[in-house]
Amino acid sequence: MAAHPRVGGFGLMPLQQHLLSCWASEGAELLCGDAALPWVAVGRVLWGRWAALRPLGADASSAWGLLLCDRACLFGDEAWAVPRPLREMAQGLRALPPPQHVGDEPLRVSDLC
């Protein structure tokens, strides 16, 4: 039950939001996590091998290229679609709100950013 305990629920999020938040957490770990973690290393290798076979652009070889996939790349023909674990992480990351700068100094944005 996805209700607050005060109203008789278990304090869980609705299933869709729960799954997307778990996938986003895993996706953020894949992008920014320690490469010494086995599943992070395997996920990055899996992405690199998949991206090497697809015309996704120069930046697609790193795991950050996961964010560059369009809908056809994620959900297209099963033979060309992103592998399911990576697709779920991409869906979770896309469900997050846009990032906001929270520091005291303004960001220096260059042409490369």
C-alpha atoms as a PDB file:
ATOM      1  CA  MET A   1       0.000   0.000   0.000  1.00  0.00           C
ATOM      2  CA  ALA A   2       1.509   3.244  -1.150  1.00  0.00           C
ATOM      3  CA  ALA A   3       0.098   5.421   1.595  1.00  0.00           C
ATOM      4  CA  HIS A   4       1.625   7.060   4.631  1.00  0.00           C
ATOM      5  CA  PRO A   5       1.553   4.891   7.789  1.00  0.00           C
ATOM      6  CA  ARG A   6      -0.779   7.444   9.466  1.00  0.00           C
ATOM      7  CA  VAL A   7      -3.493   6.510   7.010  1.00  0.00           C
ATOM      8  CA  GLY A   8      -2.938   2.760   7.115  1.00  0.00           C
ATOM      9  CA  GLY A   9      -0.291   2.334   4.435  1.00  0.00           C
ATOM     10  CA  PHE A  10       3.220   0.961   4.599  1.00  0.00           C
ATOM     11  CA  GLY A  11       4.926   4.211   3.609  1.00  0.00           C
ATOM     12  CA  LEU A  12       5.939   2.913   0.194  1.00  0.00           C
ATOM     13  CA  MET A  13       6.000   4.927  -2.978  1.00  0.00           C
ATOM     14  CA  PRO A  14       3.737   3.907  -5.831  1.00  0.00           C
ATOM     15  CA  LEU A  15       5.358   1.107  -7.840  1.00  0.00           C
ATOM     16  CA  GLN A  16       6.299   3.206 -10.883  1.00  0.00           C
ATOM     17  CA  GLN A  17       8.033   5.898  -8.807  1.00  0.00           C
ATOM     18  CA  HIS A  18       9.710   3.241  -6.665  1.00  0.00           C
ATOM     19  CA  LEU A  19      11.159   1.466  -9.701  1.00  0.00           C
ATOM     20  CA  LEU A  20      12.259   4.692 -11.393  1.00  0.00           C
ATOM     21  CA  SER A  21      13.987   5.902  -8.225  1.00  0.00           C
ATOM     22  CA  CYS A  22      15.834   2.575  -7.836  1.00  0.00           C
ATOM     23  CA  TRP A  23      16.872   2.662 -11.485  1.00  0.00           C
ATOM     24  CA  ALA A  24      18.005   6.293 -11.184  1.00  0.00           C
ATOM     25  CA  SER A  25      20.105   5.421  -8.149  1.00  0.00           C
ATOM     26  CA  GLU A  26      21.737   2.553 -10.020  1.00  0.00           C
ATOM     27  CA  GLY A  27      22.223   4.748 -13.093  1.00  0.00           C
ATOM     28  CA  ALA A  28      23.923   7.479 -11.073  1.00  0.00           C
ATOM     29  CA  GLU A  29      26.210   4.845  -9.550  1.00  0.00           C
ATOM     30  CA  LEU A  30      27.040   3.569 -13.046  1.00  0.00           C
ATOM     31  CA  LEU A  31      27.913   7.077 -14.243  1.00  0.00           C
ATOM     32  CA  CYS A  32      29.766   8.394 -11.187  1.00  0.00           C
ATOM     33  CA  GLY A  33      30.552   5.355  -9.046  1.00  0.00           C
ATOM     34  CA  ASP A  34      33.806   3.617  -8.248  1.00  0.00           C
ATOM     35  CA  ALA A  35      34.995   1.473 -11.167  1.00  0.00           C
ATOM     36  CA  ALA A  36      36.343  -1.043  -8.625  1.00  0.00           C
ATOM     37  CA  LEU A  37      32.770  -2.138  -7.862  1.00  0.00           C
ATOM     38  CA  PRO A  38      32.172  -5.239  -9.997  1.00  0.00           C
ATOM     39  CA  TRP A  39      28.703  -4.331 -11.287  1.00  0.00           C
ATOM     40  CA  VAL A  40      29.824  -0.779 -12.180  1.00  0.00           C
ATOM     41  CA  ALA A  41      32.764  -2.160 -14.146  1.00  0.00           C
ATOM     42  CA  VAL A  42      30.551  -4.721 -15.901  1.00  0.00           C
ATOM     43  CA  GLY A  43      27.902  -2.085 -16.707  1.00  0.00           C
ATOM     44  CA  ARG A  44      30.494   0.247 -18.224  1.00  0.00           C
ATOM     45  CA  VAL A  45      31.979  -2.561 -20.319  1.00  0.00           C
ATOM     46  CA  LEU A  46      28.486  -3.620 -21.429  1.00  0.00           C
ATOM     47  CA  TRP A  47      27.669  -0.056 -22.461  1.00  0.00           C
ATOM     48  CA  GLY A  48      31.015   0.400 -24.235  1.00  0.00           C
ATOM     49  CA  ARG A  49      30.610  -2.770 -26.268  1.00  0.00           C
ATOM     50  CA  TRP A  50      27.020  -1.950 -27.183  1.00  0.00           C
ATOM     51  CA  ALA A  51      27.822   1.690 -28.064  1.00  0.00           C
ATOM     52  CA  ALA A  52      30.792   0.682 -30.228  1.00  0.00           C
ATOM     53  CA  LEU A  53      28.402  -1.088 -32.598  1.00  0.00           C
ATOM     54  CA  ARG A  54      25.974   1.846 -32.924  1.00  0.00           C
ATOM     55  CA  PRO A  55      26.388   5.255 -34.591  1.00  0.00           C
ATOM     56  CA  LEU A  56      25.767   7.337 -31.465  1.00  0.00           C
ATOM     57  CA  GLY A  57      28.546   9.913 -31.781  1.00  0.00           C
ATOM     58  CA  ALA A  58      31.966  10.395 -30.228  1.00  0.00           C
ATOM     59  CA  ASP A  59      30.770  10.844 -26.627  1.00  0.00           C
ATOM     60  CA  ALA A  60      28.748   7.653 -26.604  1.00  0.00           C
ATOM     61  CA  SER A  61      31.658   5.358 -25.782  1.00  0.00           C
ATOM     62  CA  SER A  62      31.652   6.392 -22.110  1.00  0.00           C
ATOM     63  CA  ALA A  63      28.762   5.453 -19.839  1.00  0.00           C
ATOM     64  CA  TRP A  64      27.585   9.080 -20.026  1.00  0.00           C
ATOM     65  CA  GLY A  65      26.538   8.264 -23.575  1.00  0.00           C
ATOM     66  CA  LEU A  66      23.631   6.411 -21.982  1.00  0.00           C
ATOM     67  CA  LEU A  67      22.008   9.814 -21.525  1.00  0.00           C
ATOM     68  CA  LEU A  68      22.362  10.572 -25.248  1.00  0.00           C
ATOM     69  CA  CYS A  69      20.141   7.720 -26.432  1.00  0.00           C
ATOM     70  CA  ASP A  70      16.861   8.732 -27.963  1.00  0.00           C
ATOM     71  CA  ARG A  71      13.580   6.858 -27.584  1.00  0.00           C
ATOM     72  CA  ALA A  72      14.207   4.732 -30.677  1.00  0.00           C
ATOM     73  CA  CYS A  73      17.566   3.695 -29.246  1.00  0.00           C
ATOM     74  CA  LEU A  74      16.005   2.664 -25.946  1.00  0.00           C
ATOM     75  CA  PHE A  75      12.802   1.040 -27.185  1.00  0.00           C
ATOM     76  CA  GLY A  76      13.385   0.347 -30.872  1.00  0.00           C
ATOM     77  CA  ASP A  77      14.017  -2.938 -32.600  1.00  0.00           C
ATOM     78  CA  GLU A  78      15.026  -5.466 -29.939  1.00  0.00           C
ATOM     79  CA  ALA A  79      18.196  -6.364 -31.845  1.00  0.00           C
ATOM     80  CA  TRP A  80      19.367  -2.719 -31.719  1.00  0.00           C
ATOM     81  CA  ALA A  81      17.822  -1.565 -28.448  1.00  0.00           C
ATOM     82  CA  VAL A  82      19.921  -0.846 -25.378  1.00  0.00           C
ATOM     83  CA  PRO A  83      20.309  -3.937 -23.146  1.00  0.00           C
ATOM     84  CA  ARG A  84      17.504  -4.094 -20.594  1.00  0.00           C
ATOM     85  CA  PRO A  85      19.513  -3.265 -17.418  1.00  0.00           C
ATOM     86  CA  LEU A  86      21.007  -0.180 -19.075  1.00  0.00           C
ATOM     87  CA  ARG A  87      17.626   0.807 -20.516  1.00  0.00           C
ATOM     88  CA  GLU A  88      16.094   0.731 -17.045  1.00  0.00           C
ATOM     89  CA  MET A  89      18.898   2.920 -15.671  1.00  0.00           C
ATOM     90  CA  ALA A  90      18.385   5.389 -18.527  1.00  0.00           C
ATOM     91  CA  GLN A  91      14.653   5.521 -17.790  1.00  0.00           C
ATOM     92  CA  GLY A  92      15.339   6.221 -14.124  1.00  0.00           C
ATOM     93  CA  LEU A  93      17.852   8.972 -14.903  1.00  0.00           C
ATOM     94  CA  ARG A  94      15.426  10.599 -17.344  1.00  0.00           C
ATOM     95  CA  ALA A  95      12.719  10.645 -14.665  1.00  0.00           C
ATOM     96  CA  LEU A  96      14.850  12.856 -12.420  1.00  0.00           C
ATOM     97  CA  PRO A  97      14.204  16.608 -12.438  1.00  0.00           C
ATOM     98  CA  PRO A  98      16.782  18.806 -14.210  1.00  0.00           C
ATOM     99  CA  PRO A  99      19.921  19.337 -12.117  1.00  0.00           C
ATOM    100  CA  GLN A 100      20.235  22.598 -10.232  1.00  0.00           C
ATOM    101  CA  HIS A 101      23.419  24.343  -9.141  1.00  0.00           C
ATOM    102  CA  VAL A 102      23.501  24.665  -5.357  1.00  0.00           C
ATOM    103  CA  GLY A 103      27.010  26.058  -4.799  1.00  0.00           C
ATOM    104  CA  ASP A 104      28.022  29.549  -3.762  1.00  0.00           C
ATOM    105  CA  GLU A 105      30.145  30.255  -6.840  1.00  0.00           C
ATOM    106  CA  PRO A 106      28.513  30.447 -10.263  1.00  0.00           C
ATOM    107  CA  LEU A 107      29.305  27.633 -12.666  1.00  0.00           C
ATOM    108  CA  ARG A 108      31.778  28.344 -15.431  1.00  0.00           C
ATOM    109  CA  VAL A 109      30.128  26.946 -18.538  1.00  0.00           C
ATOM    110  CA  SER A 110      32.309  26.647 -21.627  1.00  0.00           C
ATOM    111  CA  ASP A 111      31.534  25.676 -25.181  1.00  0.00           C
ATOM    112  CA  LEU A 112      32.360  22.077 -24.291  1.00  0.00           C
ATOM    113  CA  CYS A 113      29.675  21.878 -21.639  1.00  0.00           C
END
